[in-house]
N, C-alpha and C. Protein backbone atom coordinates (compact mmCIF):
# COMPACT_ATOMS: atom_id res chain seq x y z
N MET A 1 35.08 14.65 -1.90
CA MET A 1 34.50 13.47 -1.24
C MET A 1 33.01 13.67 -0.97
N ASP A 2 32.61 14.84 -0.47
CA ASP A 2 31.20 15.09 -0.16
C ASP A 2 30.34 14.98 -1.41
N GLU A 3 30.82 15.49 -2.54
CA GLU A 3 30.05 15.43 -3.78
C GLU A 3 29.88 13.98 -4.24
N ASP A 4 30.91 13.16 -4.09
CA ASP A 4 30.82 11.75 -4.45
C ASP A 4 29.77 11.03 -3.60
N LEU A 5 29.75 11.34 -2.31
CA LEU A 5 28.77 10.72 -1.42
C LEU A 5 27.35 11.19 -1.75
N THR A 6 27.23 12.47 -2.09
CA THR A 6 25.91 13.00 -2.47
C THR A 6 25.40 12.30 -3.72
N ILE A 7 26.26 12.15 -4.71
CA ILE A 7 25.87 11.47 -5.94
C ILE A 7 25.51 10.02 -5.66
N ALA A 8 26.29 9.34 -4.85
CA ALA A 8 26.01 7.95 -4.49
C ALA A 8 24.67 7.84 -3.76
N ALA A 9 24.40 8.79 -2.86
CA ALA A 9 23.13 8.78 -2.11
C ALA A 9 21.95 9.02 -3.06
N LEU A 10 22.10 9.95 -3.99
CA LEU A 10 21.02 10.21 -4.95
C LEU A 10 20.78 9.01 -5.85
N LYS A 11 21.84 8.32 -6.24
CA LYS A 11 21.67 7.12 -7.05
C LYS A 11 20.95 6.02 -6.27
N ALA A 12 21.28 5.89 -5.00
CA ALA A 12 20.61 4.90 -4.16
C ALA A 12 19.12 5.24 -4.01
N LEU A 13 18.81 6.52 -3.82
CA LEU A 13 17.41 6.95 -3.75
C LEU A 13 16.69 6.65 -5.06
N ARG A 14 17.35 6.89 -6.16
CA ARG A 14 16.74 6.63 -7.46
C ARG A 14 16.45 5.14 -7.65
N ARG A 15 17.33 4.29 -7.17
CA ARG A 15 17.10 2.84 -7.25
C ARG A 15 15.83 2.46 -6.48
N ILE A 16 15.66 3.05 -5.32
CA ILE A 16 14.48 2.77 -4.50
C ILE A 16 13.22 3.26 -5.21
N MET A 17 13.28 4.49 -5.72
CA MET A 17 12.12 5.05 -6.42
C MET A 17 11.80 4.23 -7.66
N ARG A 18 12.81 3.78 -8.37
CA ARG A 18 12.61 2.99 -9.58
C ARG A 18 11.98 1.63 -9.24
N ALA A 19 12.45 1.01 -8.17
CA ALA A 19 11.86 -0.27 -7.75
C ALA A 19 10.37 -0.10 -7.45
N SER A 20 10.04 0.99 -6.78
CA SER A 20 8.64 1.27 -6.46
C SER A 20 7.84 1.49 -7.75
N GLU A 21 8.37 2.29 -8.63
CA GLU A 21 7.70 2.59 -9.90
C GLU A 21 7.47 1.33 -10.73
N LEU A 22 8.49 0.49 -10.85
CA LEU A 22 8.36 -0.74 -11.63
C LEU A 22 7.36 -1.70 -11.00
N GLY A 23 7.38 -1.79 -9.66
CA GLY A 23 6.41 -2.63 -8.96
C GLY A 23 5.00 -2.14 -9.16
N ASN A 24 4.82 -0.82 -9.12
CA ASN A 24 3.48 -0.24 -9.30
C ASN A 24 2.97 -0.46 -10.72
N ARG A 25 3.87 -0.34 -11.70
CA ARG A 25 3.48 -0.58 -13.09
C ARG A 25 3.06 -2.03 -13.30
N ALA A 26 3.84 -2.94 -12.74
CA ALA A 26 3.50 -4.36 -12.88
C ALA A 26 2.16 -4.66 -12.23
N LEU A 27 1.93 -4.09 -11.06
CA LEU A 27 0.65 -4.28 -10.36
C LEU A 27 -0.50 -3.74 -11.20
N ALA A 28 -0.34 -2.54 -11.74
CA ALA A 28 -1.39 -1.94 -12.56
C ALA A 28 -1.64 -2.76 -13.82
N ALA A 29 -0.58 -3.24 -14.44
CA ALA A 29 -0.73 -4.01 -15.67
C ALA A 29 -1.44 -5.34 -15.42
N GLN A 30 -1.15 -5.97 -14.29
CA GLN A 30 -1.72 -7.30 -14.03
C GLN A 30 -3.08 -7.26 -13.35
N THR A 31 -3.35 -6.18 -12.61
CA THR A 31 -4.60 -6.14 -11.84
C THR A 31 -5.43 -4.88 -12.07
N GLY A 32 -4.83 -3.83 -12.58
CA GLY A 32 -5.52 -2.55 -12.72
C GLY A 32 -5.61 -1.78 -11.42
N LEU A 33 -4.91 -2.23 -10.39
CA LEU A 33 -4.99 -1.62 -9.06
C LEU A 33 -3.77 -0.74 -8.76
N THR A 34 -3.99 0.26 -7.92
CA THR A 34 -2.87 1.00 -7.34
C THR A 34 -2.37 0.21 -6.14
N PRO A 35 -1.17 0.52 -5.65
CA PRO A 35 -0.68 -0.20 -4.46
C PRO A 35 -1.62 -0.08 -3.26
N SER A 36 -2.17 1.10 -3.03
CA SER A 36 -3.06 1.26 -1.88
C SER A 36 -4.36 0.47 -2.06
N GLN A 37 -4.89 0.43 -3.27
CA GLN A 37 -6.08 -0.37 -3.52
C GLN A 37 -5.77 -1.85 -3.30
N PHE A 38 -4.62 -2.28 -3.76
CA PHE A 38 -4.21 -3.67 -3.57
C PHE A 38 -4.09 -3.99 -2.07
N LEU A 39 -3.46 -3.10 -1.31
CA LEU A 39 -3.30 -3.35 0.13
C LEU A 39 -4.65 -3.45 0.84
N VAL A 40 -5.57 -2.58 0.48
CA VAL A 40 -6.90 -2.63 1.10
C VAL A 40 -7.59 -3.94 0.72
N LEU A 41 -7.56 -4.28 -0.55
CA LEU A 41 -8.18 -5.54 -0.99
C LEU A 41 -7.53 -6.74 -0.33
N GLN A 42 -6.22 -6.73 -0.26
CA GLN A 42 -5.48 -7.83 0.38
C GLN A 42 -5.88 -7.96 1.86
N GLU A 43 -6.02 -6.84 2.52
CA GLU A 43 -6.40 -6.85 3.94
C GLU A 43 -7.84 -7.35 4.11
N VAL A 44 -8.72 -6.99 3.20
CA VAL A 44 -10.10 -7.49 3.24
C VAL A 44 -10.08 -9.01 3.12
N VAL A 45 -9.29 -9.54 2.19
CA VAL A 45 -9.21 -10.99 2.00
C VAL A 45 -8.66 -11.66 3.25
N GLU A 46 -7.58 -11.11 3.81
CA GLU A 46 -6.94 -11.73 4.98
C GLU A 46 -7.82 -11.69 6.22
N ARG A 47 -8.60 -10.61 6.39
CA ARG A 47 -9.42 -10.45 7.59
C ARG A 47 -10.82 -11.04 7.46
N GLY A 48 -11.23 -11.39 6.27
CA GLY A 48 -12.57 -11.95 6.10
C GLY A 48 -13.57 -10.88 5.77
N GLU A 49 -14.15 -10.27 6.77
CA GLU A 49 -15.15 -9.22 6.57
C GLU A 49 -14.88 -8.07 7.53
N PRO A 50 -13.79 -7.34 7.33
CA PRO A 50 -13.46 -6.24 8.25
C PRO A 50 -14.35 -5.02 8.02
N THR A 51 -14.37 -4.15 8.99
CA THR A 51 -15.03 -2.86 8.83
C THR A 51 -14.01 -1.89 8.24
N PRO A 52 -14.49 -0.81 7.63
CA PRO A 52 -13.55 0.20 7.14
C PRO A 52 -12.66 0.77 8.26
N GLY A 53 -13.22 0.91 9.45
CA GLY A 53 -12.43 1.40 10.58
C GLY A 53 -11.29 0.47 10.95
N GLU A 54 -11.56 -0.83 10.90
CA GLU A 54 -10.51 -1.80 11.17
C GLU A 54 -9.40 -1.71 10.13
N LEU A 55 -9.79 -1.52 8.87
CA LEU A 55 -8.80 -1.37 7.81
C LEU A 55 -7.97 -0.11 8.01
N ALA A 56 -8.62 0.98 8.35
CA ALA A 56 -7.90 2.24 8.56
C ALA A 56 -6.87 2.09 9.68
N SER A 57 -7.27 1.43 10.74
CA SER A 57 -6.37 1.22 11.87
C SER A 57 -5.20 0.31 11.49
N THR A 58 -5.50 -0.80 10.84
CA THR A 58 -4.47 -1.76 10.48
C THR A 58 -3.48 -1.19 9.47
N LEU A 59 -4.00 -0.52 8.45
CA LEU A 59 -3.14 -0.02 7.38
C LEU A 59 -2.57 1.36 7.67
N GLN A 60 -3.05 1.99 8.73
CA GLN A 60 -2.62 3.33 9.12
C GLN A 60 -2.95 4.36 8.04
N PHE A 61 -4.14 4.20 7.45
CA PHE A 61 -4.68 5.15 6.49
C PHE A 61 -5.78 5.92 7.20
N ARG A 62 -6.09 7.10 6.72
CA ARG A 62 -7.22 7.84 7.28
C ARG A 62 -8.52 7.17 6.87
N GLN A 63 -9.54 7.34 7.68
CA GLN A 63 -10.87 6.76 7.40
C GLN A 63 -11.38 7.23 6.04
N ALA A 64 -11.22 8.51 5.73
CA ALA A 64 -11.69 9.04 4.44
C ALA A 64 -10.95 8.38 3.28
N THR A 65 -9.69 8.09 3.45
CA THR A 65 -8.91 7.42 2.41
C THR A 65 -9.44 6.02 2.18
N ILE A 66 -9.72 5.30 3.26
CA ILE A 66 -10.28 3.95 3.14
C ILE A 66 -11.63 4.01 2.42
N THR A 67 -12.44 4.99 2.75
CA THR A 67 -13.75 5.13 2.10
C THR A 67 -13.58 5.34 0.60
N ASN A 68 -12.67 6.23 0.20
CA ASN A 68 -12.44 6.49 -1.23
C ASN A 68 -11.93 5.25 -1.95
N ILE A 69 -10.99 4.56 -1.34
CA ILE A 69 -10.44 3.35 -1.95
C ILE A 69 -11.52 2.27 -2.04
N THR A 70 -12.29 2.11 -0.98
CA THR A 70 -13.37 1.12 -0.96
C THR A 70 -14.41 1.42 -2.04
N ASP A 71 -14.73 2.71 -2.22
CA ASP A 71 -15.67 3.09 -3.28
C ASP A 71 -15.16 2.61 -4.64
N ARG A 72 -13.88 2.82 -4.90
CA ARG A 72 -13.31 2.40 -6.19
C ARG A 72 -13.30 0.88 -6.34
N LEU A 73 -12.95 0.20 -5.24
CA LEU A 73 -12.94 -1.27 -5.28
C LEU A 73 -14.35 -1.81 -5.51
N GLU A 74 -15.32 -1.19 -4.89
CA GLU A 74 -16.71 -1.64 -5.06
C GLU A 74 -17.19 -1.36 -6.49
N GLN A 75 -16.88 -0.18 -7.01
CA GLN A 75 -17.27 0.16 -8.38
C GLN A 75 -16.65 -0.80 -9.39
N SER A 76 -15.48 -1.31 -9.08
CA SER A 76 -14.78 -2.25 -9.96
C SER A 76 -15.22 -3.69 -9.76
N GLY A 77 -16.11 -3.90 -8.79
CA GLY A 77 -16.62 -5.25 -8.55
C GLY A 77 -15.67 -6.14 -7.78
N LEU A 78 -14.74 -5.55 -7.03
CA LEU A 78 -13.74 -6.33 -6.29
C LEU A 78 -14.13 -6.57 -4.83
N VAL A 79 -14.97 -5.70 -4.28
CA VAL A 79 -15.48 -5.88 -2.92
C VAL A 79 -16.96 -5.52 -2.90
N THR A 80 -17.62 -6.02 -1.88
CA THR A 80 -19.01 -5.63 -1.63
C THR A 80 -19.09 -5.13 -0.19
N ARG A 81 -20.05 -4.24 0.03
CA ARG A 81 -20.33 -3.75 1.38
C ARG A 81 -21.52 -4.52 1.92
N LEU A 82 -21.40 -4.93 3.19
CA LEU A 82 -22.47 -5.69 3.84
C LEU A 82 -22.83 -5.02 5.16
N ARG A 83 -24.11 -4.94 5.44
CA ARG A 83 -24.55 -4.42 6.74
C ARG A 83 -24.42 -5.52 7.78
N SER A 84 -23.98 -5.15 8.96
CA SER A 84 -23.85 -6.09 10.06
C SER A 84 -25.23 -6.59 10.49
N ASP A 85 -25.30 -7.86 10.80
CA ASP A 85 -26.56 -8.42 11.30
C ASP A 85 -26.85 -7.90 12.71
N GLN A 86 -25.80 -7.70 13.50
CA GLN A 86 -25.97 -7.27 14.89
C GLN A 86 -26.22 -5.76 15.01
N ASP A 87 -25.59 -4.97 14.17
CA ASP A 87 -25.72 -3.52 14.25
C ASP A 87 -25.79 -2.97 12.83
N LYS A 88 -26.98 -2.58 12.40
CA LYS A 88 -27.21 -2.16 11.02
C LYS A 88 -26.40 -0.91 10.64
N ARG A 89 -25.85 -0.21 11.62
CA ARG A 89 -25.03 0.96 11.32
C ARG A 89 -23.63 0.57 10.86
N ARG A 90 -23.21 -0.64 11.20
CA ARG A 90 -21.85 -1.11 10.86
C ARG A 90 -21.83 -1.75 9.47
N ILE A 91 -20.80 -1.39 8.74
CA ILE A 91 -20.60 -1.93 7.40
C ILE A 91 -19.36 -2.83 7.43
N HIS A 92 -19.47 -3.96 6.78
CA HIS A 92 -18.33 -4.88 6.62
C HIS A 92 -18.03 -4.98 5.13
N LEU A 93 -16.80 -5.31 4.83
CA LEU A 93 -16.38 -5.47 3.44
C LEU A 93 -16.05 -6.93 3.17
N ARG A 94 -16.41 -7.38 1.98
CA ARG A 94 -16.10 -8.75 1.58
C ARG A 94 -15.55 -8.72 0.16
N ALA A 95 -14.48 -9.47 -0.05
CA ALA A 95 -13.92 -9.58 -1.40
C ALA A 95 -14.83 -10.44 -2.26
N THR A 96 -14.99 -10.04 -3.50
CA THR A 96 -15.75 -10.84 -4.46
C THR A 96 -14.81 -11.86 -5.10
N ASP A 97 -15.36 -12.73 -5.92
CA ASP A 97 -14.52 -13.67 -6.67
C ASP A 97 -13.53 -12.92 -7.56
N LYS A 98 -13.98 -11.83 -8.14
CA LYS A 98 -13.11 -11.00 -8.98
C LYS A 98 -11.98 -10.40 -8.13
N GLY A 99 -12.30 -10.00 -6.91
CA GLY A 99 -11.28 -9.46 -6.00
C GLY A 99 -10.27 -10.52 -5.61
N LEU A 100 -10.74 -11.73 -5.34
CA LEU A 100 -9.84 -12.83 -5.00
C LEU A 100 -8.92 -13.16 -6.18
N ALA A 101 -9.46 -13.10 -7.40
CA ALA A 101 -8.65 -13.37 -8.59
C ALA A 101 -7.58 -12.29 -8.77
N ALA A 102 -7.93 -11.04 -8.48
CA ALA A 102 -6.95 -9.95 -8.59
C ALA A 102 -5.79 -10.15 -7.62
N ILE A 103 -6.11 -10.59 -6.41
CA ILE A 103 -5.06 -10.84 -5.41
C ILE A 103 -4.15 -11.96 -5.90
N GLU A 104 -4.73 -13.00 -6.45
CA GLU A 104 -3.92 -14.14 -6.92
C GLU A 104 -3.03 -13.76 -8.09
N GLN A 105 -3.47 -12.84 -8.94
CA GLN A 105 -2.71 -12.46 -10.12
C GLN A 105 -1.66 -11.39 -9.84
N ALA A 106 -1.72 -10.77 -8.69
CA ALA A 106 -0.83 -9.64 -8.39
C ALA A 106 0.62 -10.10 -8.23
N PRO A 107 1.54 -9.29 -8.74
CA PRO A 107 2.96 -9.59 -8.52
C PRO A 107 3.34 -9.24 -7.08
N THR A 108 4.48 -9.69 -6.65
CA THR A 108 4.97 -9.33 -5.32
C THR A 108 5.41 -7.87 -5.35
N LEU A 109 4.85 -7.07 -4.46
CA LEU A 109 5.19 -5.65 -4.40
C LEU A 109 6.53 -5.43 -3.72
N PRO A 110 7.23 -4.35 -4.09
CA PRO A 110 8.52 -4.06 -3.43
C PRO A 110 8.40 -3.98 -1.91
N GLN A 111 7.30 -3.47 -1.41
CA GLN A 111 7.18 -3.35 0.05
C GLN A 111 7.07 -4.72 0.71
N ALA A 112 6.52 -5.70 0.03
CA ALA A 112 6.48 -7.06 0.58
C ALA A 112 7.89 -7.64 0.63
N ARG A 113 8.66 -7.42 -0.44
CA ARG A 113 10.06 -7.87 -0.43
C ARG A 113 10.84 -7.16 0.66
N PHE A 114 10.59 -5.85 0.81
CA PHE A 114 11.27 -5.08 1.85
C PHE A 114 10.93 -5.63 3.23
N SER A 115 9.64 -5.85 3.48
CA SER A 115 9.21 -6.32 4.80
C SER A 115 9.86 -7.64 5.16
N ALA A 116 9.89 -8.56 4.21
CA ALA A 116 10.49 -9.88 4.47
C ALA A 116 11.98 -9.77 4.72
N SER A 117 12.68 -9.01 3.91
CA SER A 117 14.14 -8.88 4.06
C SER A 117 14.50 -8.06 5.29
N PHE A 118 13.75 -7.00 5.54
CA PHE A 118 14.02 -6.14 6.70
C PHE A 118 13.86 -6.92 8.00
N ALA A 119 12.83 -7.77 8.06
CA ALA A 119 12.58 -8.58 9.26
C ALA A 119 13.74 -9.53 9.56
N MET A 120 14.49 -9.90 8.55
CA MET A 120 15.60 -10.84 8.73
C MET A 120 16.87 -10.16 9.26
N LEU A 121 16.90 -8.83 9.21
CA LEU A 121 18.08 -8.10 9.69
C LEU A 121 18.12 -8.08 11.21
N PRO A 122 19.32 -8.00 11.79
CA PRO A 122 19.40 -7.86 13.25
C PRO A 122 18.78 -6.54 13.69
N ASP A 123 18.32 -6.49 14.93
CA ASP A 123 17.65 -5.30 15.46
C ASP A 123 18.48 -4.04 15.29
N TRP A 124 19.81 -4.13 15.55
CA TRP A 124 20.65 -2.94 15.46
C TRP A 124 20.68 -2.39 14.04
N GLU A 125 20.64 -3.29 13.03
CA GLU A 125 20.68 -2.84 11.65
C GLU A 125 19.33 -2.25 11.24
N GLN A 126 18.25 -2.84 11.72
CA GLN A 126 16.93 -2.28 11.46
C GLN A 126 16.84 -0.86 12.04
N ALA A 127 17.32 -0.70 13.26
CA ALA A 127 17.29 0.61 13.92
C ALA A 127 18.15 1.62 13.16
N MET A 128 19.30 1.19 12.67
CA MET A 128 20.20 2.08 11.93
C MET A 128 19.53 2.53 10.62
N ILE A 129 18.92 1.60 9.91
CA ILE A 129 18.24 1.93 8.65
C ILE A 129 17.07 2.86 8.92
N LEU A 130 16.29 2.55 9.94
CA LEU A 130 15.15 3.39 10.29
C LEU A 130 15.59 4.81 10.63
N ALA A 131 16.64 4.94 11.41
CA ALA A 131 17.14 6.27 11.77
C ALA A 131 17.59 7.03 10.52
N GLY A 132 18.27 6.34 9.63
CA GLY A 132 18.71 6.97 8.39
C GLY A 132 17.55 7.41 7.52
N LEU A 133 16.52 6.58 7.45
CA LEU A 133 15.36 6.93 6.65
C LEU A 133 14.59 8.11 7.25
N HIS A 134 14.48 8.13 8.58
CA HIS A 134 13.83 9.28 9.24
C HIS A 134 14.61 10.56 8.94
N ARG A 135 15.91 10.47 9.03
CA ARG A 135 16.76 11.63 8.78
C ARG A 135 16.62 12.07 7.33
N LEU A 136 16.56 11.13 6.41
CA LEU A 136 16.37 11.44 5.00
C LEU A 136 15.04 12.16 4.78
N GLY A 137 13.99 11.67 5.42
CA GLY A 137 12.69 12.35 5.34
C GLY A 137 12.79 13.78 5.83
N ASP A 138 13.53 13.99 6.94
CA ASP A 138 13.73 15.35 7.45
C ASP A 138 14.47 16.22 6.44
N ILE A 139 15.53 15.67 5.82
CA ILE A 139 16.30 16.41 4.83
C ILE A 139 15.42 16.81 3.65
N LEU A 140 14.54 15.92 3.25
CA LEU A 140 13.65 16.19 2.12
C LEU A 140 12.42 17.00 2.51
N GLY A 141 12.26 17.28 3.80
CA GLY A 141 11.15 18.12 4.26
C GLY A 141 9.81 17.43 4.31
N VAL A 142 9.81 16.11 4.53
CA VAL A 142 8.56 15.35 4.61
C VAL A 142 8.31 14.99 6.07
N SER A 143 7.12 15.33 6.55
CA SER A 143 6.81 15.03 7.94
C SER A 143 6.26 13.62 8.08
N ILE A 144 6.33 13.07 9.27
CA ILE A 144 5.84 11.72 9.55
C ILE A 144 4.35 11.61 9.25
N LYS A 145 3.58 12.63 9.57
CA LYS A 145 2.13 12.55 9.38
C LYS A 145 1.73 12.47 7.91
N ASP A 146 2.65 12.82 7.01
CA ASP A 146 2.36 12.74 5.58
C ASP A 146 2.57 11.35 5.02
N SER A 147 2.98 10.42 5.84
CA SER A 147 3.42 9.12 5.34
C SER A 147 2.47 8.00 5.73
N ALA A 148 2.32 7.08 4.80
CA ALA A 148 1.61 5.83 5.05
C ALA A 148 2.62 4.72 4.84
N PRO A 149 2.43 3.56 5.46
CA PRO A 149 3.38 2.46 5.30
C PRO A 149 3.25 1.80 3.94
N LEU A 150 3.64 2.55 2.91
CA LEU A 150 3.41 2.13 1.54
C LEU A 150 4.52 2.68 0.66
N LEU A 151 5.17 1.83 -0.12
CA LEU A 151 6.19 2.28 -1.08
C LEU A 151 5.49 2.73 -2.36
N ASP A 152 5.08 3.98 -2.36
CA ASP A 152 4.37 4.55 -3.49
C ASP A 152 4.48 6.06 -3.39
N SER A 153 4.68 6.72 -4.50
CA SER A 153 4.87 8.17 -4.44
C SER A 153 3.61 8.95 -4.77
N GLY A 154 2.58 8.31 -5.26
CA GLY A 154 1.36 9.01 -5.64
C GLY A 154 0.41 9.19 -4.46
N ALA A 155 -0.69 9.86 -4.75
CA ALA A 155 -1.74 10.02 -3.73
C ALA A 155 -2.27 8.63 -3.37
N ILE A 156 -2.51 8.41 -2.12
CA ILE A 156 -2.93 7.08 -1.65
C ILE A 156 -4.26 6.66 -2.25
N ASP A 157 -5.20 7.59 -2.39
CA ASP A 157 -6.54 7.20 -2.84
C ASP A 157 -6.79 7.54 -4.31
N ARG A 158 -5.73 7.57 -5.11
CA ARG A 158 -5.90 7.84 -6.55
C ARG A 158 -6.45 6.61 -7.26
N SER A 159 -6.89 6.84 -8.47
CA SER A 159 -7.41 5.73 -9.28
C SER A 159 -6.48 5.51 -10.47
N ARG A 160 -6.27 4.27 -10.82
CA ARG A 160 -5.49 3.92 -12.01
C ARG A 160 -6.40 3.81 -13.23
N GLY A 161 -7.68 3.94 -13.04
CA GLY A 161 -8.61 3.73 -14.14
C GLY A 161 -9.39 2.45 -13.92
N ALA A 162 -10.00 2.04 -14.94
CA ALA A 162 -10.86 0.85 -14.84
C ALA A 162 -10.03 -0.40 -14.58
N VAL A 163 -10.58 -1.27 -13.79
CA VAL A 163 -9.94 -2.55 -13.52
C VAL A 163 -10.26 -3.46 -14.68
N PRO A 164 -9.25 -4.15 -15.26
CA PRO A 164 -9.52 -5.03 -16.39
C PRO A 164 -10.50 -6.14 -16.03
N GLU A 165 -11.31 -6.52 -16.99
CA GLU A 165 -12.26 -7.62 -16.78
C GLU A 165 -11.52 -8.93 -16.64
N ARG A 166 -12.02 -9.84 -15.85
CA ARG A 166 -11.41 -11.15 -15.66
C ARG A 166 -12.36 -12.20 -16.17
């Protein structure tokens, strides 16, 4: 019985990993972005002209990670950096037309589907799933500090290569 449950659990984990992988491939094919780059760009669009610090706080990424991702987005022509009129030391980010087009062309990521479906579950079921996932992380030897709220197995600030021209 234990071996059957172990196999079933591994298959369920594989389904989750596969969903993430397929979502990431679709995102890369349609936009040239990694999931983390897409999330940063999406947050820039939603917030208007946020600072990198605001993005780091909202997305729960480290400031250095946001800087690396922003550098790639800027090099690809998806965002621009703007100096604040009130405080020249502050930098704000703005999506370009190319960045807005990338957001519009992006497929729905697995984490967006997860967020919507998870929110519909009763509190007790959300808590049960969360406890199980924390326990699974412990079994696999992954600490909480190593995690970002992102369904992706790669480095958060990696590059997929050049963003396709639009």
